[in-house]
Amino acid sequence: MNKRWTIDKIKTFVENNSDSTLLTTEYHGFSQNLLFKCACGNNFEKSFTKFKNKNQRKCDVCQPPKASR
C-alpha cells in the first residue's frame, strides 16, 4: 500500500534528510513542484518524487543537473 504524503510528513522528511528547507505550505500531489530553500540560500523547485527518490536535494548551483546521455 502506498504511503500518503502530507505537507507535514514531507516537511519532516526534508528536515531529517537534507540541508534544504521546505517553503511550500500546501501539497496537492506527486507531480506538483515544491519550493525549497537550499543551504546556500538559493530557492529551487523540485517535485517531491525527484527530491526523495533521485537525491536531488540541493539547488542547481550546489548540485548541477547531470548531463544527458
Foldseek 3Di string as FASTA:
>chain_A
DDDDDFPVNLQVCLVVPAQKGWPDDGDDDQVDWTWIAANVGDIDTDGSCCVPPVVPNHDCVVPPDDDDD
